[in-house]
Amino acid sequence: MATLTNRIFSHIAKDIDFLKDMLVVFLKDGRKIEIPLDYFPTLRDASPKQRKNWRLIGGGIGIHWEDLDEDISVENLLH
């Protein structure tokens, strides 16, 4: 069970940012994930204001954009 616990805690976001055409997710364990916005058409087509209106959900296991009704799982970004 310890392996599962370690795996869950290693998939926790602490912050995000956007580059011109990338979503950047910073994890609590120090890793940084960069994903092309083309993978997320809703985010790609959103205004800067809509992109900035996000919050971490589930203690950091996901990211939610209220204005866009968009949710992204951190674990799915790693696969």
C-alpha atoms as a PDB file:
ATOM      1  CA  MET A   1       0.000   0.000   0.000  1.00  0.00           C
ATOM      2  CA  ALA A   2       2.942   2.361   0.537  1.00  0.00           C
ATOM      3  CA  THR A   3       3.661   2.311  -3.195  1.00  0.00           C
ATOM      4  CA  LEU A   4       0.152   3.505  -3.972  1.00  0.00           C
ATOM      5  CA  THR A   5       0.394   6.253  -1.378  1.00  0.00           C
ATOM      6  CA  ASN A   6       3.733   7.475  -2.757  1.00  0.00           C
ATOM      7  CA  ARG A   7       2.381   7.396  -6.291  1.00  0.00           C
ATOM      8  CA  ILE A   8      -0.662   9.477  -5.369  1.00  0.00           C
ATOM      9  CA  PHE A   9       1.396  12.124  -3.560  1.00  0.00           C
ATOM     10  CA  SER A  10       3.843  12.411  -6.458  1.00  0.00           C
ATOM     11  CA  HIS A  11       1.029  13.497  -8.783  1.00  0.00           C
ATOM     12  CA  ILE A  12       0.086  16.700  -6.947  1.00  0.00           C
ATOM     13  CA  ALA A  13       0.099  20.084  -8.690  1.00  0.00           C
ATOM     14  CA  LYS A  14       1.122  23.200  -6.816  1.00  0.00           C
ATOM     15  CA  ASP A  15       0.873  25.792  -9.604  1.00  0.00           C
ATOM     16  CA  ILE A  16       0.316  26.261 -13.319  1.00  0.00           C
ATOM     17  CA  ASP A  17       1.339  28.739 -15.976  1.00  0.00           C
ATOM     18  CA  PHE A  18       0.783  29.274 -19.666  1.00  0.00           C
ATOM     19  CA  LEU A  19       3.382  29.878 -22.325  1.00  0.00           C
ATOM     20  CA  LYS A  20       2.414  30.956 -25.825  1.00  0.00           C
ATOM     21  CA  ASP A  21       1.209  27.509 -26.863  1.00  0.00           C
ATOM     22  CA  MET A  22       1.832  25.376 -23.767  1.00  0.00           C
ATOM     23  CA  LEU A  23       0.216  24.547 -20.437  1.00  0.00           C
ATOM     24  CA  VAL A  24       2.875  24.252 -17.743  1.00  0.00           C
ATOM     25  CA  VAL A  25       2.065  22.357 -14.544  1.00  0.00           C
ATOM     26  CA  PHE A  26       4.424  22.506 -11.564  1.00  0.00           C
ATOM     27  CA  LEU A  27       4.262  19.485  -9.264  1.00  0.00           C
ATOM     28  CA  LYS A  28       4.938  19.458  -5.535  1.00  0.00           C
ATOM     29  CA  ASP A  29       7.810  17.000  -6.035  1.00  0.00           C
ATOM     30  CA  GLY A  30       9.669  19.546  -8.181  1.00  0.00           C
ATOM     31  CA  ARG A  31       8.803  18.220 -11.625  1.00  0.00           C
ATOM     32  CA  LYS A  32       7.433  20.453 -14.356  1.00  0.00           C
ATOM     33  CA  ILE A  33       5.112  19.173 -17.087  1.00  0.00           C
ATOM     34  CA  GLU A  34       4.725  21.080 -20.362  1.00  0.00           C
ATOM     35  CA  ILE A  35       1.798  20.079 -22.569  1.00  0.00           C
ATOM     36  CA  PRO A  36       0.857  21.629 -25.925  1.00  0.00           C
ATOM     37  CA  LEU A  37      -2.400  23.583 -25.711  1.00  0.00           C
ATOM     38  CA  ASP A  38      -3.492  21.850 -28.914  1.00  0.00           C
ATOM     39  CA  TYR A  39      -4.248  18.835 -26.691  1.00  0.00           C
ATOM     40  CA  PHE A  40      -6.866  20.963 -24.916  1.00  0.00           C
ATOM     41  CA  PRO A  41      -8.891  22.903 -27.520  1.00  0.00           C
ATOM     42  CA  THR A  42     -11.043  24.555 -24.859  1.00  0.00           C
ATOM     43  CA  LEU A  43      -7.974  26.049 -23.181  1.00  0.00           C
ATOM     44  CA  ARG A  44      -6.287  26.828 -26.485  1.00  0.00           C
ATOM     45  CA  ASP A  45      -9.294  28.847 -27.654  1.00  0.00           C
ATOM     46  CA  ALA A  46      -9.931  30.548 -24.300  1.00  0.00           C
ATOM     47  CA  SER A  47      -9.117  34.160 -23.557  1.00  0.00           C
ATOM     48  CA  PRO A  48      -6.196  34.974 -21.233  1.00  0.00           C
ATOM     49  CA  LYS A  49      -8.728  36.052 -18.599  1.00  0.00           C
ATOM     50  CA  GLN A  50     -10.541  32.685 -18.819  1.00  0.00           C
ATOM     51  CA  ARG A  51      -7.251  30.780 -18.582  1.00  0.00           C
ATOM     52  CA  LYS A  52      -6.256  32.694 -15.444  1.00  0.00           C
ATOM     53  CA  ASN A  53      -9.488  31.723 -13.656  1.00  0.00           C
ATOM     54  CA  TRP A  54      -8.366  28.285 -12.471  1.00  0.00           C
ATOM     55  CA  ARG A  55      -8.084  26.477  -9.164  1.00  0.00           C
ATOM     56  CA  LEU A  56      -6.580  23.244  -7.920  1.00  0.00           C
ATOM     57  CA  ILE A  57      -9.110  20.573  -7.022  1.00  0.00           C
ATOM     58  CA  GLY A  58      -8.823  17.490  -4.842  1.00  0.00           C
ATOM     59  CA  GLY A  59      -5.806  18.849  -3.021  1.00  0.00           C
ATOM     60  CA  GLY A  60      -3.913  19.284  -6.300  1.00  0.00           C
ATOM     61  CA  ILE A  61      -4.828  16.084  -8.136  1.00  0.00           C
ATOM     62  CA  GLY A  62      -6.650  18.143 -10.741  1.00  0.00           C
ATOM     63  CA  ILE A  63      -7.107  21.610 -12.219  1.00  0.00           C
ATOM     64  CA  HIS A  64     -10.487  23.249 -12.812  1.00  0.00           C
ATOM     65  CA  TRP A  65     -11.431  26.255 -14.953  1.00  0.00           C
ATOM     66  CA  GLU A  66     -14.814  27.521 -13.791  1.00  0.00           C
ATOM     67  CA  ASP A  67     -15.454  29.823 -16.772  1.00  0.00           C
ATOM     68  CA  LEU A  68     -14.726  27.011 -19.220  1.00  0.00           C
ATOM     69  CA  ASP A  69     -16.200  24.063 -17.296  1.00  0.00           C
ATOM     70  CA  GLU A  70     -12.894  22.272 -17.914  1.00  0.00           C
ATOM     71  CA  ASP A  71     -11.151  19.809 -15.604  1.00  0.00           C
ATOM     72  CA  ILE A  72      -7.765  18.184 -16.122  1.00  0.00           C
ATOM     73  CA  SER A  73      -6.340  15.361 -14.030  1.00  0.00           C
ATOM     74  CA  VAL A  74      -2.640  15.678 -13.202  1.00  0.00           C
ATOM     75  CA  GLU A  75      -2.213  11.910 -13.377  1.00  0.00           C
ATOM     76  CA  ASN A  76      -3.572  11.863 -16.925  1.00  0.00           C
ATOM     77  CA  LEU A  77      -1.033  14.509 -17.935  1.00  0.00           C
ATOM     78  CA  LEU A  78       1.737  12.148 -16.890  1.00  0.00           C
ATOM     79  CA  HIS A  79       0.518   9.267 -19.064  1.00  0.00           C
END
